[in-house]
Amino acid sequence: MVLAKRQLMSDKEYKELDQKLDKGLKLAQRRMLEEKALHNGTVVVSNAEGKIEYIPAKEVLASY
């Protein structure tokens, strides 16, 4: 049995995929923040010292 060789992505294709994934993740994060803000929810984040903080989603969205 002969298996076809898979062709790897070119640098251009890799960059395009990376940009699409980044854009989609940012959109999903923004939508999550908007939904949480709508219901006066909080977002759990880690501060500079690594401690967990609970911040109102509206506050995070305002600085997003």
N, C-alpha and C. Protein backbone atom coordinates (compact mmCIF):
# COMPACT_ATOMS: atom_id res chain seq x y z
N MET A 1 0.85 -1.18 0.00
CA MET A 1 0.00 0.00 0.00
C MET A 1 0.89 1.23 0.00
N VAL A 2 0.58 2.19 -0.83
CA VAL A 2 1.34 3.42 -0.94
C VAL A 2 0.52 4.55 -0.34
N LEU A 3 1.13 5.24 0.61
CA LEU A 3 0.46 6.38 1.24
C LEU A 3 0.88 7.66 0.54
N ALA A 4 -0.07 8.53 0.32
CA ALA A 4 0.25 9.82 -0.31
C ALA A 4 1.00 10.69 0.69
N LYS A 5 1.98 11.41 0.21
CA LYS A 5 2.72 12.32 1.05
C LYS A 5 1.86 13.53 1.37
N ARG A 6 1.84 13.92 2.61
CA ARG A 6 1.09 15.11 2.99
C ARG A 6 1.97 16.33 2.79
N GLN A 7 1.39 17.32 2.21
CA GLN A 7 2.13 18.55 1.99
C GLN A 7 1.90 19.47 3.18
N LEU A 8 2.95 20.00 3.75
CA LEU A 8 2.84 20.93 4.86
C LEU A 8 2.37 22.28 4.36
N MET A 9 1.88 23.09 5.27
CA MET A 9 1.44 24.43 4.90
C MET A 9 2.64 25.31 4.59
N SER A 10 2.43 26.20 3.68
CA SER A 10 3.47 27.19 3.39
C SER A 10 3.47 28.22 4.52
N ASP A 11 4.49 29.04 4.56
CA ASP A 11 4.55 30.09 5.58
C ASP A 11 3.35 31.02 5.48
N LYS A 12 2.96 31.33 4.25
CA LYS A 12 1.82 32.22 4.04
C LYS A 12 0.54 31.59 4.58
N GLU A 13 0.33 30.32 4.28
CA GLU A 13 -0.87 29.62 4.76
C GLU A 13 -0.87 29.54 6.28
N TYR A 14 0.30 29.29 6.86
CA TYR A 14 0.41 29.20 8.31
C TYR A 14 0.07 30.55 8.95
N LYS A 15 0.58 31.64 8.40
CA LYS A 15 0.29 32.98 8.93
C LYS A 15 -1.19 33.31 8.81
N GLU A 16 -1.80 32.94 7.68
CA GLU A 16 -3.23 33.19 7.48
C GLU A 16 -4.06 32.42 8.50
N LEU A 17 -3.70 31.15 8.72
CA LEU A 17 -4.42 30.35 9.71
C LEU A 17 -4.25 30.94 11.11
N ASP A 18 -3.04 31.34 11.43
CA ASP A 18 -2.76 31.94 12.73
C ASP A 18 -3.59 33.20 12.94
N GLN A 19 -3.69 34.03 11.91
CA GLN A 19 -4.47 35.26 12.00
C GLN A 19 -5.96 34.97 12.17
N LYS A 20 -6.46 33.97 11.45
CA LYS A 20 -7.87 33.60 11.56
C LYS A 20 -8.19 33.07 12.96
N LEU A 21 -7.30 32.23 13.50
CA LEU A 21 -7.51 31.69 14.84
C LEU A 21 -7.47 32.80 15.88
N ASP A 22 -6.53 33.71 15.75
CA ASP A 22 -6.40 34.83 16.69
C ASP A 22 -7.65 35.70 16.65
N LYS A 23 -8.12 36.00 15.45
CA LYS A 23 -9.32 36.83 15.28
C LYS A 23 -10.54 36.14 15.91
N GLY A 24 -10.67 34.83 15.67
CA GLY A 24 -11.79 34.08 16.22
C GLY A 24 -11.76 34.01 17.74
N LEU A 25 -10.58 33.83 18.32
CA LEU A 25 -10.45 33.79 19.78
C LEU A 25 -10.78 35.13 20.40
N LYS A 26 -10.34 36.21 19.77
CA LYS A 26 -10.65 37.55 20.29
C LYS A 26 -12.15 37.83 20.22
N LEU A 27 -12.78 37.40 19.14
CA LEU A 27 -14.22 37.58 19.00
C LEU A 27 -14.97 36.78 20.06
N ALA A 28 -14.56 35.54 20.29
CA ALA A 28 -15.21 34.70 21.30
C ALA A 28 -15.03 35.30 22.70
N GLN A 29 -13.84 35.83 22.98
CA GLN A 29 -13.59 36.43 24.28
C GLN A 29 -14.46 37.67 24.47
N ARG A 30 -14.56 38.49 23.44
CA ARG A 30 -15.38 39.70 23.54
C ARG A 30 -16.85 39.33 23.77
N ARG A 31 -17.33 38.33 23.04
CA ARG A 31 -18.73 37.91 23.21
C ARG A 31 -18.98 37.37 24.61
N MET A 32 -18.02 36.63 25.14
CA MET A 32 -18.14 36.11 26.50
C MET A 32 -18.21 37.26 27.50
N LEU A 33 -17.34 38.26 27.33
CA LEU A 33 -17.36 39.41 28.23
C LEU A 33 -18.67 40.17 28.13
N GLU A 34 -19.18 40.35 26.91
CA GLU A 34 -20.45 41.05 26.72
C GLU A 34 -21.60 40.30 27.40
N GLU A 35 -21.61 38.99 27.26
CA GLU A 35 -22.67 38.18 27.89
C GLU A 35 -22.59 38.26 29.41
N LYS A 36 -21.38 38.15 29.94
CA LYS A 36 -21.21 38.24 31.40
C LYS A 36 -21.58 39.63 31.90
N ALA A 37 -21.20 40.68 31.16
CA ALA A 37 -21.52 42.05 31.56
C ALA A 37 -23.04 42.26 31.55
N LEU A 38 -23.70 41.68 30.59
CA LEU A 38 -25.16 41.80 30.48
C LEU A 38 -25.85 41.26 31.74
N HIS A 39 -25.26 40.24 32.34
CA HIS A 39 -25.85 39.61 33.53
C HIS A 39 -25.11 39.97 34.82
N ASN A 40 -24.35 41.09 34.75
CA ASN A 40 -23.57 41.57 35.90
C ASN A 40 -22.66 40.50 36.48
N GLY A 41 -22.05 39.72 35.60
CA GLY A 41 -21.15 38.65 36.02
C GLY A 41 -19.74 39.14 36.26
N THR A 42 -18.92 38.24 36.77
CA THR A 42 -17.52 38.55 37.02
C THR A 42 -16.63 37.65 36.16
N VAL A 43 -15.38 38.08 36.04
CA VAL A 43 -14.38 37.34 35.29
C VAL A 43 -13.26 37.00 36.26
N VAL A 44 -12.77 35.79 36.21
CA VAL A 44 -11.69 35.36 37.08
C VAL A 44 -10.38 35.54 36.31
N VAL A 45 -9.45 36.29 36.92
CA VAL A 45 -8.16 36.55 36.30
C VAL A 45 -7.05 36.34 37.31
N SER A 46 -5.84 36.25 36.82
CA SER A 46 -4.67 36.14 37.67
C SER A 46 -3.91 37.46 37.60
N ASN A 47 -3.58 38.04 38.75
CA ASN A 47 -2.86 39.31 38.74
C ASN A 47 -1.36 39.08 38.55
N ALA A 48 -0.57 40.14 38.63
CA ALA A 48 0.87 40.06 38.38
C ALA A 48 1.58 39.13 39.36
N GLU A 49 1.06 39.01 40.56
CA GLU A 49 1.66 38.14 41.57
C GLU A 49 1.16 36.70 41.47
N GLY A 50 0.25 36.45 40.54
CA GLY A 50 -0.30 35.11 40.36
C GLY A 50 -1.50 34.81 41.24
N LYS A 51 -2.00 35.81 41.93
CA LYS A 51 -3.18 35.62 42.79
C LYS A 51 -4.46 35.77 41.97
N ILE A 52 -5.45 35.01 42.36
CA ILE A 52 -6.73 35.02 41.66
C ILE A 52 -7.54 36.24 42.08
N GLU A 53 -8.12 36.92 41.09
CA GLU A 53 -8.98 38.08 41.33
C GLU A 53 -10.29 37.90 40.59
N TYR A 54 -11.34 38.42 41.15
CA TYR A 54 -12.67 38.42 40.52
C TYR A 54 -12.98 39.87 40.15
N ILE A 55 -13.13 40.13 38.88
CA ILE A 55 -13.36 41.49 38.39
C ILE A 55 -14.68 41.53 37.64
N PRO A 56 -15.49 42.57 37.88
CA PRO A 56 -16.74 42.69 37.12
C PRO A 56 -16.47 42.71 35.62
N ALA A 57 -17.26 41.95 34.89
CA ALA A 57 -17.08 41.86 33.43
C ALA A 57 -17.20 43.21 32.77
N LYS A 58 -18.06 44.08 33.30
CA LYS A 58 -18.22 45.42 32.73
C LYS A 58 -16.91 46.21 32.81
N GLU A 59 -16.18 46.02 33.89
CA GLU A 59 -14.90 46.71 34.07
C GLU A 59 -13.87 46.19 33.05
N VAL A 60 -13.84 44.90 32.88
CA VAL A 60 -12.90 44.30 31.92
C VAL A 60 -13.28 44.73 30.50
N LEU A 61 -14.54 44.71 30.19
CA LEU A 61 -15.01 45.08 28.86
C LEU A 61 -14.70 46.54 28.55
N ALA A 62 -14.79 47.40 29.55
CA ALA A 62 -14.52 48.83 29.35
C ALA A 62 -13.06 49.06 28.95
N SER A 63 -12.17 48.20 29.42
CA SER A 63 -10.75 48.38 29.10
C SER A 63 -10.30 47.46 27.99
N TYR A 64 -11.22 46.72 27.38
CA TYR A 64 -10.89 45.73 26.35
C TYR A 64 -10.62 46.38 25.04
